[in-house]
């Protein structure tokens, strides 16, 4: 297990990732029985949801959790700006085929989410990237992993990218080859601890204390590096990334805006009914017109909801409303999961089909991914059922499978 602290120097808004940077450091991180090197998994990313300070009652963290034993091992330098190294004398960490990034819930939805996340990650060998903090949705991801057997759990890589200034007793992490115990986290107060179900941690220090957000830039650049620079299946296809939103705060809205507007685009799965930002996304997505606007009465309603939900000023509410509308305009990148909706599949199906939809893949490539994930059900329902069968002229064989 490894913990690395990245200290962002003053004015540094774009930490380098590439040669001798974070991407290379991660590629040499300690592996714990990861996926087969021949098929790199996808990634699922879960964004942070609080706009400033710790979320009330532990709610509002929009990133999932990972896998760690009872102590986190640090391998830091003296905290300088270039302290971006992970355990070097180790096996190579296998890159993911998809990358999951995440963003809290009623008990039934929580159970469905946990089951779906675990199934999506385990069948594809995905990495899960979270805030690493022991609050909000991270605890749901931890619960999902705890419900799995040890063999299944050890195949899932969870990376926590956490804000250094938000951690309690963070000074204990400074040094080399130290073992630091996990501390119980209270829902009250400005500071939090790390969740003990992660494989690796990156701690990001931009000088702020007691606030979320320090990790956002580094996290996005890491996800971009993985999706743009790394290849899967023999070096021809990029690693697909998907964002999953449960609940979430105002920062979640900005994160989703970046995912759907930046290049490469990242598909987003929103769990309607989980509260706050997720419900606002679902409502805007359902009501946006063909010209990309909200009807006047709906717009006033959403504006009032934004103000009361996030407790923000009128000016901030207008900005968030604009960002919501821009996100809703990208209907092809937003998948709304509604629990109990007629014909609705499970969460894992929504996540994986969003991955296929967001990658702009040919029918043959979609089929190749579905079979590589061993998800014949997705091949049947989302590749062949969409009228692509006649265009599947050739495909790399993945073994004999009956998809009729």
Protein backbone atom coordinates (compact mmCIF):
# COMPACT_ATOMS: atom_id res chain seq x y z
CA UNK A 1 0.00 0.00 0.00
CA UNK A 2 1.29 3.49 -0.68
CA UNK A 3 0.61 7.07 0.34
CA UNK A 4 2.12 9.92 -1.66
CA UNK A 5 1.90 13.62 -0.85
CA UNK A 6 1.93 16.08 -3.74
CA UNK A 7 2.72 19.64 -2.67
CA UNK A 8 1.41 22.16 -5.16
CA UNK A 9 3.71 25.17 -5.32
CA UNK A 10 2.27 28.68 -5.22
CA UNK A 11 0.42 29.57 -8.39
CA UNK A 12 0.84 26.06 -9.79
CA UNK A 13 -2.56 25.25 -11.27
CA UNK A 14 -1.42 22.52 -13.64
CA UNK A 15 0.80 19.86 -12.06
CA UNK A 16 2.69 18.02 -14.80
CA UNK A 17 1.76 14.46 -15.59
CA UNK A 18 3.91 12.48 -17.95
CA UNK A 19 7.59 11.69 -18.06
CA UNK A 20 8.83 11.48 -14.45
CA UNK A 21 5.44 12.88 -13.41
CA UNK A 22 2.43 11.40 -11.70
CA UNK A 23 1.54 9.03 -14.51
CA UNK A 24 4.97 7.43 -14.40
CA UNK A 25 4.93 7.30 -10.61
CA UNK A 26 1.62 5.46 -10.61
CA UNK A 27 2.77 3.01 -13.24
CA UNK A 28 5.45 1.78 -10.81
CA UNK A 29 3.24 1.70 -7.72
CA UNK A 30 2.85 -1.46 -5.69
CA UNK A 31 0.41 -3.92 -7.22
CA UNK A 32 -1.84 -6.20 -5.18
CA UNK A 33 -3.03 -8.96 -7.45
CA UNK A 34 -4.41 -6.62 -10.10
CA UNK A 35 -6.14 -7.45 -13.36
CA UNK A 36 -4.59 -9.43 -16.17
CA UNK A 37 -1.91 -7.24 -17.83
CA UNK A 38 -3.30 -8.05 -21.26
CA UNK A 39 -6.61 -6.26 -20.61
CA UNK A 40 -6.39 -2.95 -18.79
CA UNK A 41 -9.55 -2.09 -16.83
CA UNK A 42 -11.75 0.99 -17.17
CA UNK A 43 -11.90 3.71 -14.54
CA UNK A 44 -14.79 4.98 -12.47
CA UNK A 45 -14.30 8.42 -11.03
CA UNK A 46 -16.32 9.88 -8.18
CA UNK A 47 -16.08 13.75 -7.72
CA UNK A 48 -16.00 15.74 -4.46
CA UNK A 49 -19.23 17.46 -3.65
CA UNK A 50 -18.58 20.08 -1.01
CA UNK A 51 -17.97 23.65 -2.05
CA UNK A 52 -16.00 24.61 1.05
CA UNK A 53 -15.40 23.02 4.42
CA UNK A 54 -16.53 19.60 5.54
CA UNK A 55 -20.02 18.59 4.46
CA UNK A 56 -22.68 18.59 7.17
CA UNK A 57 -23.23 15.23 8.87
CA UNK A 58 -20.79 13.55 6.54
CA UNK A 59 -23.05 14.10 3.54
CA UNK A 60 -21.91 15.61 0.30
CA UNK A 61 -18.62 13.95 -0.47
CA UNK A 62 -18.98 12.85 -4.03
CA UNK A 63 -16.04 10.49 -4.30
CA UNK A 64 -15.95 6.71 -3.59
CA UNK A 65 -13.60 4.76 -1.41
CA UNK A 66 -10.91 2.13 -1.77
CA UNK A 67 -9.10 -0.77 -0.10
CA UNK A 68 -6.46 -0.56 2.67
CA UNK A 69 -5.53 -2.64 5.73
CA UNK A 70 -5.20 -1.23 9.25
CA UNK A 71 -2.32 1.14 8.53
CA UNK A 72 -1.27 3.42 5.69
CA UNK A 73 2.38 3.26 4.74
CA UNK A 74 3.97 6.55 3.78
CA UNK A 75 6.86 6.86 1.38
CA UNK A 76 7.29 10.62 1.08
CA UNK A 77 10.19 12.93 0.59
CA UNK A 78 10.43 16.00 2.81
CA UNK A 79 7.20 17.43 1.45
CA UNK A 80 8.79 19.42 -1.37
CA UNK A 81 6.98 20.33 -4.59
CA UNK A 82 8.38 17.31 -6.43
CA UNK A 83 7.34 14.72 -3.83
CA UNK A 84 5.35 12.64 -6.32
CA UNK A 85 6.83 9.18 -5.93
CA UNK A 86 5.12 5.96 -5.00
CA UNK A 87 6.94 2.84 -3.81
CA UNK A 88 9.50 2.22 -6.53
CA UNK A 89 10.74 -1.27 -5.66
CA UNK A 90 7.50 -2.97 -6.58
CA UNK A 91 5.54 -4.84 -9.19
CA UNK A 92 3.92 -2.74 -11.88
CA UNK A 93 0.41 -1.49 -11.26
CA UNK A 94 -1.73 -2.65 -14.16
CA UNK A 95 -3.64 0.16 -15.86
CA UNK A 96 -7.45 -0.01 -15.90
CA UNK A 97 -9.74 -0.93 -18.81
CA UNK A 98 -12.36 1.60 -17.58
CA UNK A 99 -11.79 4.32 -14.99
CA UNK A 100 -14.65 5.03 -12.54
CA UNK A 101 -14.75 8.45 -10.87
CA UNK A 102 -17.50 9.08 -8.24
CA UNK A 103 -19.64 11.54 -6.39
CA UNK A 104 -24.84 10.13 -1.03
CA UNK A 105 -28.92 7.91 -0.03
CA UNK A 106 -32.09 6.11 0.75
CA UNK A 107 -31.33 2.56 2.00
CA UNK A 108 -32.69 0.72 -1.03
CA UNK A 109 -30.84 2.95 -3.49
CA UNK A 110 -27.69 2.55 -1.38
CA UNK A 111 -27.95 -1.24 -1.63
CA UNK A 112 -28.56 -1.14 -5.38
CA UNK A 113 -25.64 1.24 -5.85
CA UNK A 114 -23.24 -0.87 -3.81
CA UNK A 115 -24.17 -4.04 -5.67
CA UNK A 116 -23.95 -2.35 -9.08
CA UNK A 117 -20.63 -0.64 -8.39
CA UNK A 118 -19.05 -3.86 -7.17
CA UNK A 119 -20.30 -5.81 -10.17
CA UNK A 120 -19.18 -3.15 -12.66
CA UNK A 121 -15.71 -2.89 -11.15
CA UNK A 122 -15.13 -6.61 -10.66
CA UNK A 123 -16.31 -7.71 -14.10
CA UNK A 124 -14.23 -5.11 -15.93
CA UNK A 125 -11.19 -4.80 -13.65
CA UNK A 126 -11.87 -1.07 -13.32
CA UNK A 127 -10.02 1.35 -11.10
CA UNK A 128 -12.16 3.42 -8.72
CA UNK A 129 -10.91 6.95 -8.00
CA UNK A 130 -12.36 8.75 -4.97
CA UNK A 131 -11.60 11.59 -2.57
CA UNK A 132 -10.30 9.00 -0.12
CA UNK A 133 -11.97 10.83 2.80
CA UNK A 134 -14.10 8.80 5.21
CA UNK A 135 -17.33 10.73 4.57
CA UNK A 136 -20.45 10.55 2.43
CA UNK A 137 -20.48 8.35 -0.62
CA UNK A 138 -16.97 7.06 0.07
CA UNK A 139 -18.48 5.04 2.89
CA UNK A 140 -20.95 3.47 0.47
CA UNK A 141 -18.11 2.40 -1.79
CA UNK A 142 -16.30 0.97 1.23
CA UNK A 143 -19.47 -0.93 2.16
CA UNK A 144 -19.63 -2.34 -1.37
CA UNK A 145 -16.09 -3.64 -1.09
CA UNK A 146 -16.68 -5.04 2.38
CA UNK A 147 -19.56 -7.08 0.96
CA UNK A 148 -17.25 -8.81 -1.50
CA UNK A 149 -15.07 -11.82 -0.89
CA UNK A 150 -11.39 -11.21 -0.32
CA UNK A 151 -10.38 -12.64 -3.71
CA UNK A 152 -12.86 -10.40 -5.53
CA UNK A 153 -11.99 -7.37 -3.39
CA UNK A 154 -8.25 -7.71 -3.96
CA UNK A 155 -8.73 -7.44 -7.72
CA UNK A 156 -10.30 -3.98 -7.46
CA UNK A 157 -7.93 -1.01 -7.35
CA UNK A 158 -9.25 2.00 -5.38
CA UNK A 159 -7.22 5.20 -5.38
CA UNK A 160 -8.03 8.00 -2.94
CA UNK A 161 -6.92 11.49 -3.99
CA UNK A 162 -7.44 13.55 -0.84
CA UNK A 163 -6.87 17.18 0.16
CA UNK A 164 -3.94 17.28 2.60
CA UNK A 165 -5.31 20.25 4.54
CA UNK A 166 -8.56 18.41 5.31
CA UNK A 167 -6.94 15.48 7.13
CA UNK A 168 -6.75 15.23 10.91
CA UNK A 169 -3.28 14.48 12.37
CA UNK A 170 -1.82 14.87 8.88
CA UNK A 171 1.63 15.66 10.26
CA UNK A 172 1.98 11.96 11.10
CA UNK A 173 2.21 11.19 7.38
CA UNK A 174 5.39 13.24 6.94
CA UNK A 175 8.47 11.02 6.65
CA UNK A 176 9.57 7.83 4.97
CA UNK A 177 8.57 4.22 5.56
CA UNK A 178 6.14 5.07 8.36
CA UNK A 179 3.02 3.17 9.34
CA UNK A 180 0.13 5.42 10.33
CA UNK A 181 -3.07 4.06 11.93
CA UNK A 182 -6.52 5.00 10.68
CA UNK A 183 -8.47 7.30 12.97
CA UNK A 184 -12.25 7.21 13.50
CA UNK A 185 -14.01 10.07 11.73
CA UNK A 186 -16.68 12.23 13.34
CA UNK A 187 -19.37 13.83 11.21
CA UNK A 188 -18.71 17.12 13.02
CA UNK A 189 -15.74 19.40 12.64
CA UNK A 190 -13.61 20.72 9.79
CA UNK A 191 -11.29 17.75 9.46
CA UNK A 192 -11.68 14.14 8.45
CA UNK A 193 -9.69 10.93 8.16
CA UNK A 194 -8.82 8.58 5.33
CA UNK A 195 -11.13 5.68 4.56
CA UNK A 196 -9.46 2.32 5.17
CA UNK A 197 -10.78 0.58 2.05
CA UNK A 198 -8.36 2.08 -0.47
CA UNK A 199 -5.42 0.55 -2.26
CA UNK A 200 -3.41 3.78 -2.61
CA UNK A 201 -3.62 7.42 -1.55
CA UNK A 202 -2.38 10.64 -3.13
CA UNK A 203 -2.53 13.58 -0.71
CA UNK A 204 -2.65 16.98 -2.41
CA UNK A 205 -1.43 20.10 -0.58
CA UNK A 206 -2.20 23.52 -2.08
CA UNK A 207 -1.86 25.44 1.19
CA UNK A 208 -5.55 25.47 2.15
CA UNK A 209 -6.69 24.05 5.51
CA UNK A 210 -10.05 22.52 6.39
CA UNK A 211 -11.47 22.82 2.86
CA UNK A 212 -12.33 20.51 0.00
CA UNK A 213 -11.09 21.21 -3.51
CA UNK A 214 -7.29 21.06 -3.26
CA UNK A 215 -7.28 17.73 -5.07
CA UNK A 216 -9.52 18.63 -8.02
CA UNK A 217 -6.88 19.81 -10.51
CA UNK A 218 -4.46 16.96 -9.91
CA UNK A 219 -7.26 14.41 -10.02
CA UNK A 220 -8.61 15.65 -13.32
CA UNK A 221 -5.15 15.71 -14.85
CA UNK A 222 -4.51 12.16 -13.69
CA UNK A 223 -7.79 10.98 -15.22
CA UNK A 224 -6.94 12.83 -18.42
CA UNK A 225 -3.47 11.28 -18.50
CA UNK A 226 -4.90 7.79 -18.08
CA UNK A 227 -7.60 8.27 -20.71
CA UNK A 228 -5.42 10.04 -23.30
CA UNK A 229 -1.94 8.60 -22.92
CA UNK A 230 -2.57 4.99 -21.95
CA UNK A 231 -3.84 2.34 -24.35
CA UNK A 232 -5.66 -0.94 -23.85
CA UNK A 233 -6.11 -4.11 -25.89
CA UNK A 234 -2.77 -4.17 -27.64
CA UNK A 235 -2.26 -0.41 -27.77
CA UNK A 236 -5.17 0.62 -30.01
CA UNK A 237 -7.88 1.93 -27.68
CA UNK A 238 -7.82 4.54 -24.92
CA UNK A 239 -8.86 3.76 -21.36
CA UNK A 240 -12.55 4.71 -21.00
CA UNK A 241 -13.58 6.90 -18.05
CA UNK A 242 -17.04 7.34 -16.51
CA UNK A 243 -18.23 9.60 -13.68
CA UNK A 244 -20.96 8.42 -11.27
CA UNK A 245 -22.93 11.03 -9.29
CA UNK A 246 -24.77 10.28 -6.06
CA UNK A 247 -26.08 13.32 -4.21
CA UNK A 248 -23.26 15.88 -4.29
CA UNK A 249 -22.81 19.57 -3.63
CA UNK A 250 -22.07 22.63 -5.72
CA UNK A 251 -18.54 21.44 -6.55
CA UNK A 252 -20.09 18.34 -8.11
CA UNK A 253 -21.92 20.53 -10.63
CA UNK A 254 -18.68 22.17 -11.72
CA UNK A 255 -16.94 18.79 -11.93
CA UNK A 256 -19.68 17.34 -14.14
CA UNK A 257 -19.55 20.45 -16.33
CA UNK A 258 -15.84 19.85 -16.87
CA UNK A 259 -16.42 16.16 -17.65
CA UNK A 260 -19.02 16.81 -20.36
CA UNK A 261 -17.38 19.86 -21.97
CA UNK A 262 -13.64 19.17 -21.83
CA UNK A 263 -11.85 17.02 -24.38
CA UNK A 264 -11.96 14.07 -24.20
CA UNK A 265 -15.60 14.05 -23.09
CA UNK A 266 -16.45 11.83 -20.11
CA UNK A 267 -19.90 10.22 -19.79
CA UNK A 268 -21.75 10.76 -16.49
CA UNK A 269 -24.22 8.46 -14.72
CA UNK A 270 -26.57 10.32 -12.34
CA UNK A 271 -28.50 8.41 -9.66
CA UNK A 272 -31.82 10.22 -9.44
CA UNK A 273 -33.35 10.17 -5.97
CA UNK A 274 -30.02 10.36 -4.15
CA UNK A 275 -30.50 14.06 -3.38
CA UNK A 276 -29.03 17.53 -3.95
CA UNK A 277 -26.90 17.88 -7.11
CA UNK A 278 -27.92 14.49 -8.53
CA UNK A 279 -31.64 15.33 -8.33
CA UNK A 280 -31.06 18.76 -9.85
CA UNK A 281 -29.19 17.17 -12.77
CA UNK A 282 -31.99 14.66 -13.33
CA UNK A 283 -34.68 17.37 -13.20
CA UNK A 284 -32.82 19.67 -15.60
CA UNK A 285 -32.08 16.76 -17.96
CA UNK A 286 -35.76 15.83 -18.04
CA UNK A 287 -37.01 19.38 -18.69
CA UNK A 288 -34.43 20.93 -21.00
CA UNK A 289 -35.95 21.74 -24.40
CA UNK A 290 -34.56 20.86 -27.82
CA UNK A 291 -33.00 24.33 -28.10
CA UNK A 292 -31.09 23.72 -24.85
CA UNK A 293 -33.15 25.95 -22.55
CA UNK A 294 -35.45 25.49 -19.59
CA UNK A 295 -39.00 26.86 -19.74
CA UNK A 296 -39.32 30.09 -17.73
CA UNK A 297 -41.43 28.56 -14.96
CA UNK A 298 -39.09 25.57 -14.64
CA UNK A 299 -36.06 27.86 -14.66
CA UNK A 300 -37.45 29.89 -11.74
CA UNK A 301 -38.23 26.68 -9.87
CA UNK A 302 -34.71 25.27 -10.36
CA UNK A 303 -33.13 28.60 -9.38
CA UNK A 304 -35.04 28.60 -6.08
CA UNK A 305 -34.07 24.97 -5.47
CA UNK A 306 -30.39 25.75 -6.06
CA UNK A 307 -30.48 28.64 -3.57
CA UNK A 308 -32.16 26.59 -0.84
CA UNK A 309 -30.22 23.37 -1.50
CA UNK A 310 -26.76 24.90 -1.37
CA UNK A 311 -27.49 27.97 0.78
CA UNK A 312 -25.76 30.22 -1.72
CA UNK A 313 -26.25 33.83 -2.84
CA UNK A 314 -28.49 34.76 -5.76
CA UNK A 315 -25.46 35.45 -7.96
CA UNK A 316 -23.92 32.06 -7.14
CA UNK A 317 -27.30 30.37 -7.73
CA UNK A 318 -27.52 31.92 -11.21
CA UNK A 319 -24.02 30.66 -12.02
CA UNK A 320 -24.86 27.14 -10.82
CA UNK A 321 -28.12 27.20 -12.77
CA UNK A 322 -26.24 28.12 -15.93
CA UNK A 323 -23.79 25.23 -15.35
CA UNK A 324 -26.69 22.82 -14.77
CA UNK A 325 -28.32 23.84 -18.04
CA UNK A 326 -25.06 23.46 -19.99
CA UNK A 327 -24.66 19.97 -18.53
CA UNK A 328 -28.26 19.06 -19.39
CA UNK A 329 -27.66 20.14 -22.99
CA UNK A 330 -25.21 17.22 -23.34
CA UNK A 331 -27.98 14.65 -23.18
CA UNK A 332 -25.93 12.06 -25.01
CA UNK A 333 -23.33 12.09 -22.21
CA UNK A 334 -25.76 12.02 -19.27
CA UNK A 335 -27.38 8.75 -18.21
CA UNK A 336 -30.09 9.11 -15.54
CA UNK A 337 -30.56 6.00 -13.40
CA UNK A 338 -33.97 5.88 -11.68
CA UNK A 339 -34.54 3.12 -9.17
CA UNK A 340 -37.62 1.04 -9.98
CA UNK A 341 -38.29 2.67 -13.36
CA UNK A 342 -39.95 0.25 -15.76
CA UNK A 343 -37.39 -1.40 -18.02
CA UNK A 344 -34.47 0.03 -16.02
CA UNK A 345 -31.42 -2.19 -15.65
CA UNK A 346 -29.12 -2.30 -12.63
CA UNK A 347 -26.51 0.37 -11.84
CA UNK A 348 -23.68 -1.68 -13.29
CA UNK A 349 -25.51 -1.89 -16.62
CA UNK A 350 -26.04 1.89 -16.62
CA UNK A 351 -22.33 2.49 -15.87
CA UNK A 352 -20.99 0.17 -18.55
CA UNK A 353 -23.41 1.21 -21.28
CA UNK A 354 -22.53 4.86 -20.50
CA UNK A 355 -18.89 3.91 -21.06
CA UNK A 356 -19.73 2.49 -24.47
CA UNK A 357 -21.92 5.48 -25.35
CA UNK A 358 -19.35 8.05 -24.30
CA UNK A 359 -16.42 6.60 -26.22
CA UNK A 360 -17.83 7.10 -29.72
CA UNK A 361 -16.75 3.56 -30.59
CA UNK A 362 -17.56 1.57 -33.68
CA UNK A 363 -19.96 -1.34 -33.27
CA UNK A 364 -17.06 -3.79 -33.51
CA UNK A 365 -15.15 -1.96 -30.78
CA UNK A 366 -18.25 -1.87 -28.56
CA UNK A 367 -18.65 -5.61 -28.98
CA UNK A 368 -14.95 -6.17 -28.27
CA UNK A 369 -15.19 -4.21 -25.01
CA UNK A 370 -18.41 -5.92 -23.92
CA UNK A 371 -16.88 -9.35 -24.49
CA UNK A 372 -13.58 -8.37 -22.87
CA UNK A 373 -15.64 -7.42 -19.79
CA UNK A 374 -17.40 -10.80 -20.08
CA UNK A 375 -20.72 -8.95 -20.31
CA UNK A 376 -22.63 -10.80 -23.00
CA UNK A 377 -25.83 -9.22 -21.61
CA UNK A 378 -24.57 -5.77 -22.66
CA UNK A 379 -23.50 -7.05 -26.06
CA UNK A 380 -26.99 -8.44 -26.55
CA UNK A 381 -28.98 -5.44 -25.27
CA UNK A 382 -26.81 -2.51 -26.37
CA UNK A 383 -24.78 -3.60 -29.39
CA UNK A 384 -26.88 -6.10 -31.33
CA UNK A 385 -30.20 -4.57 -30.27
CA UNK A 386 -29.18 -1.17 -31.65
CA UNK A 387 -29.06 -2.46 -35.21
CA UNK A 388 -25.27 -2.74 -35.33
CA UNK A 389 -25.11 -6.45 -36.11
CA UNK A 390 -24.85 -5.94 -39.87
CA UNK A 391 -21.81 -3.68 -39.39
CA UNK A 392 -19.88 -6.23 -37.31
CA UNK A 393 -17.73 -7.48 -40.18
CA UNK A 394 -14.80 -8.57 -38.04
CA UNK A 395 -13.89 -8.73 -34.40
CA UNK A 396 -11.00 -9.99 -32.33
CA UNK A 397 -12.05 -13.38 -30.93
CA UNK A 398 -12.49 -13.50 -27.15
CA UNK A 399 -13.47 -17.14 -26.98
CA UNK A 400 -16.71 -18.87 -27.86
CA UNK A 401 -19.78 -16.99 -26.63
CA UNK A 402 -23.38 -17.45 -27.60
CA UNK A 403 -24.85 -13.96 -28.05
CA UNK A 404 -27.88 -14.93 -30.05
